[in-house]
């Protein structure tokens, strides 16, 4: 029987049919402002708050203080407490980008990656992670090596990826094929603001709901609604296709 890791995000675990496959790596893709970092903060926070599962947050883009403020601003009030007591371990950009190569940065992480007390990991984002590498071959080699280390140490991982296109099928990168699951966060402009959607495109070893569902970001984080497919909700004027 396949073990699952619940995200604790309203509606998302339902369309995942229970959660993310344990020890897998899932890519969270979307254009700027789609909610990728919020989803990751919520995943790590819920792990401690709801399921007694500790987590590691690797941020190549933010300082630890920025992450703390972002978490508190969305309603994750105990984030500082969980960081201070070690339930959440944060490596921020000042630490991760201190070295000039990924092998040196990986050496800094290995003790915690091999610590069985941690169950979840976030890497935010691959765009900055890629700066370590000169070409696609080197990036692919190290990404495979890194995901193998995470899997072998029992970590269920989310990685974020910046995507320029509004609709994901127009921009598929190498990372999509190297990970176990792909979740896209989509936002489209409307007359009154922005409409947001989530699409679980792939999850190995698991049956999933592959419709595109509306979601919202509010106090307490992301909530996914299951009442309709996104494309059936969008008017022609709202769709860029």
Protein backbone atom coordinates (compact mmCIF):
# COMPACT_ATOMS: atom_id res chain seq x y z
CA UNK A 1 0.00 0.00 0.00
CA UNK A 2 1.35 3.44 -1.00
CA UNK A 3 2.01 5.77 1.94
CA UNK A 4 0.84 9.36 1.55
CA UNK A 5 1.91 12.66 3.09
CA UNK A 6 -1.00 15.03 3.66
CA UNK A 7 -0.42 18.66 2.78
CA UNK A 8 -3.17 19.82 5.15
CA UNK A 9 -4.25 22.34 2.49
CA UNK A 10 -8.05 22.54 2.21
CA UNK A 11 -9.20 20.79 -0.95
CA UNK A 12 -5.73 19.91 -2.27
CA UNK A 13 -5.47 16.59 -0.45
CA UNK A 14 -8.90 15.67 -1.83
CA UNK A 15 -7.88 16.11 -5.48
CA UNK A 16 -4.64 14.26 -4.66
CA UNK A 17 -6.80 11.41 -3.31
CA UNK A 18 -5.24 11.65 0.12
CA UNK A 19 -1.98 13.52 -0.25
CA UNK A 20 1.45 13.42 -1.87
CA UNK A 21 3.24 10.09 -2.24
CA UNK A 22 5.66 9.71 0.67
CA UNK A 23 9.38 10.11 -0.20
CA UNK A 24 8.53 11.66 -3.57
CA UNK A 25 9.60 14.97 -5.11
CA UNK A 26 6.84 17.21 -6.48
CA UNK A 27 7.42 20.27 -8.66
CA UNK A 28 5.22 23.31 -7.97
CA UNK A 29 5.24 25.53 -11.07
CA UNK A 30 3.63 28.87 -11.80
CA UNK A 31 4.22 32.40 -12.94
CA UNK A 32 5.23 35.15 -10.46
CA UNK A 33 2.61 35.74 -7.77
CA UNK A 34 0.76 32.48 -8.38
CA UNK A 35 1.21 31.33 -4.76
CA UNK A 36 4.10 28.86 -5.00
CA UNK A 37 5.95 30.04 -1.91
CA UNK A 38 2.73 30.31 0.11
CA UNK A 39 1.87 26.71 -0.75
CA UNK A 40 5.34 25.63 0.38
CA UNK A 41 5.23 27.60 3.62
CA UNK A 42 1.81 26.09 4.31
CA UNK A 43 3.07 22.57 3.55
CA UNK A 44 5.94 22.86 6.02
CA UNK A 45 3.87 24.66 8.66
CA UNK A 46 0.97 22.19 8.45
CA UNK A 47 3.40 19.33 8.80
CA UNK A 48 4.31 20.51 12.29
CA UNK A 49 0.94 21.99 13.26
CA UNK A 50 -1.31 19.13 12.10
CA UNK A 51 0.76 15.97 11.66
CA UNK A 52 3.75 16.21 14.03
CA UNK A 53 6.12 16.11 11.05
CA UNK A 54 9.19 18.36 11.12
CA UNK A 55 10.43 20.09 7.99
CA UNK A 56 13.40 21.75 6.28
CA UNK A 57 12.93 24.90 4.21
CA UNK A 58 15.66 25.77 1.68
CA UNK A 59 15.20 29.28 0.33
CA UNK A 60 17.54 30.48 -2.40
CA UNK A 61 15.59 33.75 -2.73
CA UNK A 62 14.66 34.98 0.77
CA UNK A 63 16.36 35.68 4.07
CA UNK A 64 15.13 33.83 7.17
CA UNK A 65 13.55 37.02 8.49
CA UNK A 66 11.65 37.52 5.21
CA UNK A 67 10.27 33.98 5.39
CA UNK A 68 9.21 34.56 8.97
CA UNK A 69 7.36 37.74 8.04
CA UNK A 70 5.71 36.05 5.05
CA UNK A 71 4.53 33.15 7.22
CA UNK A 72 3.13 35.41 9.93
CA UNK A 73 1.45 37.68 7.35
CA UNK A 74 -0.65 34.77 6.05
CA UNK A 75 -1.65 33.53 9.52
CA UNK A 76 1.04 30.97 10.38
CA UNK A 77 1.56 32.54 13.78
CA UNK A 78 3.60 29.72 15.31
CA UNK A 79 6.24 29.75 12.54
CA UNK A 80 8.82 31.61 14.71
CA UNK A 81 8.20 29.19 17.59
CA UNK A 82 8.64 26.15 15.33
CA UNK A 83 11.85 27.57 13.87
CA UNK A 84 13.24 28.43 17.29
CA UNK A 85 12.53 24.96 18.72
CA UNK A 86 13.89 23.14 15.65
CA UNK A 87 10.66 21.69 14.29
CA UNK A 88 11.30 23.79 11.17
CA UNK A 89 14.90 24.19 9.99
CA UNK A 90 15.49 27.12 7.63
CA UNK A 91 18.45 27.53 5.32
CA UNK A 92 18.16 30.92 3.67
CA UNK A 93 19.91 32.47 0.69
CA UNK A 94 22.70 33.93 2.83
CA UNK A 95 23.72 30.40 3.78
CA UNK A 96 22.91 28.51 0.57
CA UNK A 97 24.56 30.98 -1.80
CA UNK A 98 27.63 31.52 0.35
CA UNK A 99 29.55 28.84 -1.54
CA UNK A 100 30.32 28.91 -5.26
CA UNK A 101 29.33 25.34 -6.04
CA UNK A 102 26.45 23.06 -5.12
CA UNK A 103 28.66 20.32 -3.66
CA UNK A 104 29.87 22.73 -0.96
CA UNK A 105 26.31 23.82 -0.17
CA UNK A 106 25.17 20.21 -0.08
CA UNK A 107 27.85 19.43 2.49
CA UNK A 108 26.24 22.04 4.77
CA UNK A 109 22.88 20.27 4.50
CA UNK A 110 23.81 16.60 4.75
CA UNK A 111 23.59 16.24 8.53
CA UNK A 112 20.04 17.57 8.57
CA UNK A 113 19.03 15.69 5.40
CA UNK A 114 20.15 12.45 7.04
CA UNK A 115 18.42 13.29 10.34
CA UNK A 116 15.44 10.95 10.62
CA UNK A 117 13.52 13.51 12.67
CA UNK A 118 12.73 15.49 9.50
CA UNK A 119 9.92 14.33 7.22
CA UNK A 120 9.33 17.22 4.78
CA UNK A 121 11.51 19.48 2.67
CA UNK A 122 10.97 22.51 0.43
CA UNK A 123 13.41 23.88 -2.14
CA UNK A 124 12.40 27.40 -3.21
CA UNK A 125 13.33 27.90 -6.01
CA UNK A 126 14.94 25.95 -8.84
CA UNK A 127 15.57 29.18 -10.75
CA UNK A 128 18.18 30.22 -8.17
CA UNK A 129 19.35 26.64 -7.64
CA UNK A 130 20.19 26.54 -11.36
CA UNK A 131 22.73 29.35 -10.95
CA UNK A 132 25.18 26.79 -9.60
CA UNK A 133 25.42 25.02 -12.96
CA UNK A 134 26.87 25.92 -16.34
CA UNK A 135 24.71 23.70 -18.56
CA UNK A 136 21.64 21.45 -18.63
CA UNK A 137 23.66 18.24 -18.33
CA UNK A 138 25.34 19.36 -15.11
CA UNK A 139 22.02 20.62 -13.74
CA UNK A 140 20.29 17.33 -14.55
CA UNK A 141 23.09 15.31 -12.91
CA UNK A 142 23.01 17.27 -9.65
CA UNK A 143 19.21 17.47 -9.53
CA UNK A 144 18.98 13.69 -9.86
CA UNK A 145 21.68 13.26 -7.21
CA UNK A 146 19.90 15.65 -4.85
CA UNK A 147 16.46 14.07 -5.28
CA UNK A 148 17.97 10.63 -4.71
CA UNK A 149 19.49 11.85 -1.42
CA UNK A 150 16.15 13.30 -0.33
CA UNK A 151 14.26 10.13 -1.23
CA UNK A 152 16.76 7.81 0.45
CA UNK A 153 16.44 9.82 3.66
CA UNK A 154 12.66 9.64 3.76
CA UNK A 155 11.93 13.26 2.87
CA UNK A 156 8.77 14.19 0.97
CA UNK A 157 9.80 17.21 -1.06
CA UNK A 158 8.26 20.19 -2.84
CA UNK A 159 10.36 22.22 -5.29
CA UNK A 160 9.20 25.46 -6.87
CA UNK A 161 9.81 26.47 -10.46
CA UNK A 162 9.23 29.86 -12.06
CA UNK A 163 7.20 29.71 -15.24
CA UNK A 164 6.78 32.57 -17.67
CA UNK A 165 3.79 31.24 -19.58
CA UNK A 166 0.29 31.60 -18.14
CA UNK A 167 -0.74 28.15 -19.33
CA UNK A 168 1.70 25.34 -18.46
CA UNK A 169 1.46 23.26 -21.63
CA UNK A 170 3.30 26.01 -23.51
CA UNK A 171 6.43 25.78 -21.36
CA UNK A 172 7.60 22.34 -20.19
CA UNK A 173 11.11 22.16 -18.74
CA UNK A 174 13.51 19.36 -17.92
CA UNK A 175 12.56 19.54 -14.23
CA UNK A 176 9.02 18.34 -15.02
CA UNK A 177 10.37 15.01 -16.23
CA UNK A 178 12.82 14.50 -13.34
CA UNK A 179 10.25 14.82 -10.56
CA UNK A 180 7.58 12.39 -9.36
CA UNK A 181 4.72 14.88 -9.43
CA UNK A 182 3.81 18.12 -11.18
CA UNK A 183 1.41 20.68 -9.72
CA UNK A 184 0.72 23.91 -11.60
CA UNK A 185 -0.61 27.11 -10.05
CA UNK A 186 -2.31 29.26 -12.69
CA UNK A 187 -3.52 32.83 -12.42
CA UNK A 188 -5.49 34.71 -15.07
CA UNK A 189 -6.46 38.40 -15.10
CA UNK A 190 -10.10 39.41 -14.78
CA UNK A 191 -11.92 42.75 -14.72
CA UNK A 192 -12.01 42.60 -10.92
CA UNK A 193 -8.51 41.25 -10.27
CA UNK A 194 -7.06 37.76 -10.66
CA UNK A 195 -8.57 34.29 -10.79
CA UNK A 196 -6.43 31.46 -9.43
CA UNK A 197 -6.43 27.75 -10.27
CA UNK A 198 -4.53 24.58 -9.42
CA UNK A 199 -3.84 21.68 -11.77
CA UNK A 200 -2.30 18.40 -10.57
CA UNK A 201 -0.88 17.21 -13.88
CA UNK A 202 1.11 14.17 -12.71
CA UNK A 203 1.65 12.10 -9.58
CA UNK A 204 3.47 8.83 -10.02
CA UNK A 205 2.08 5.73 -8.26
CA UNK A 206 -1.22 7.46 -7.57
CA UNK A 207 -4.62 8.13 -9.10
CA UNK A 208 -5.35 11.86 -9.09
CA UNK A 209 -8.07 14.27 -10.14
CA UNK A 210 -6.71 15.95 -13.28
CA UNK A 211 -9.31 18.69 -13.69
CA UNK A 212 -8.22 22.28 -13.13
CA UNK A 213 -9.76 23.58 -9.91
CA UNK A 214 -10.30 27.11 -8.61
CA UNK A 215 -8.32 28.17 -5.57
CA UNK A 216 -7.97 31.24 -3.41
CA UNK A 217 -5.32 32.70 -1.14
CA UNK A 218 -6.58 34.24 2.07
CA UNK A 219 -5.76 34.39 5.77
CA UNK A 220 -4.63 30.87 6.64
CA UNK A 221 -3.16 30.20 3.20
CA UNK A 222 -4.44 28.40 0.12
CA UNK A 223 -7.85 26.78 -0.23
CA UNK A 224 -8.79 24.67 -3.26
CA UNK A 225 -12.44 24.44 -4.35
CA UNK A 226 -13.79 21.34 -6.05
CA UNK A 227 -17.07 22.63 -7.45
CA UNK A 228 -15.95 23.23 -11.05
CA UNK A 229 -13.17 22.90 -13.61
CA UNK A 230 -11.34 26.15 -14.19
CA UNK A 231 -11.66 26.22 -17.93
CA UNK A 232 -15.42 25.78 -17.74
CA UNK A 233 -15.51 28.83 -15.45
CA UNK A 234 -13.44 31.17 -17.58
CA UNK A 235 -15.02 33.34 -20.22
CA UNK A 236 -13.36 33.80 -23.60
CA UNK A 237 -12.33 37.31 -22.58
CA UNK A 238 -10.47 35.96 -19.53
CA UNK A 239 -8.64 33.19 -21.39
CA UNK A 240 -5.45 34.15 -23.24
CA UNK A 241 -5.70 31.10 -25.54
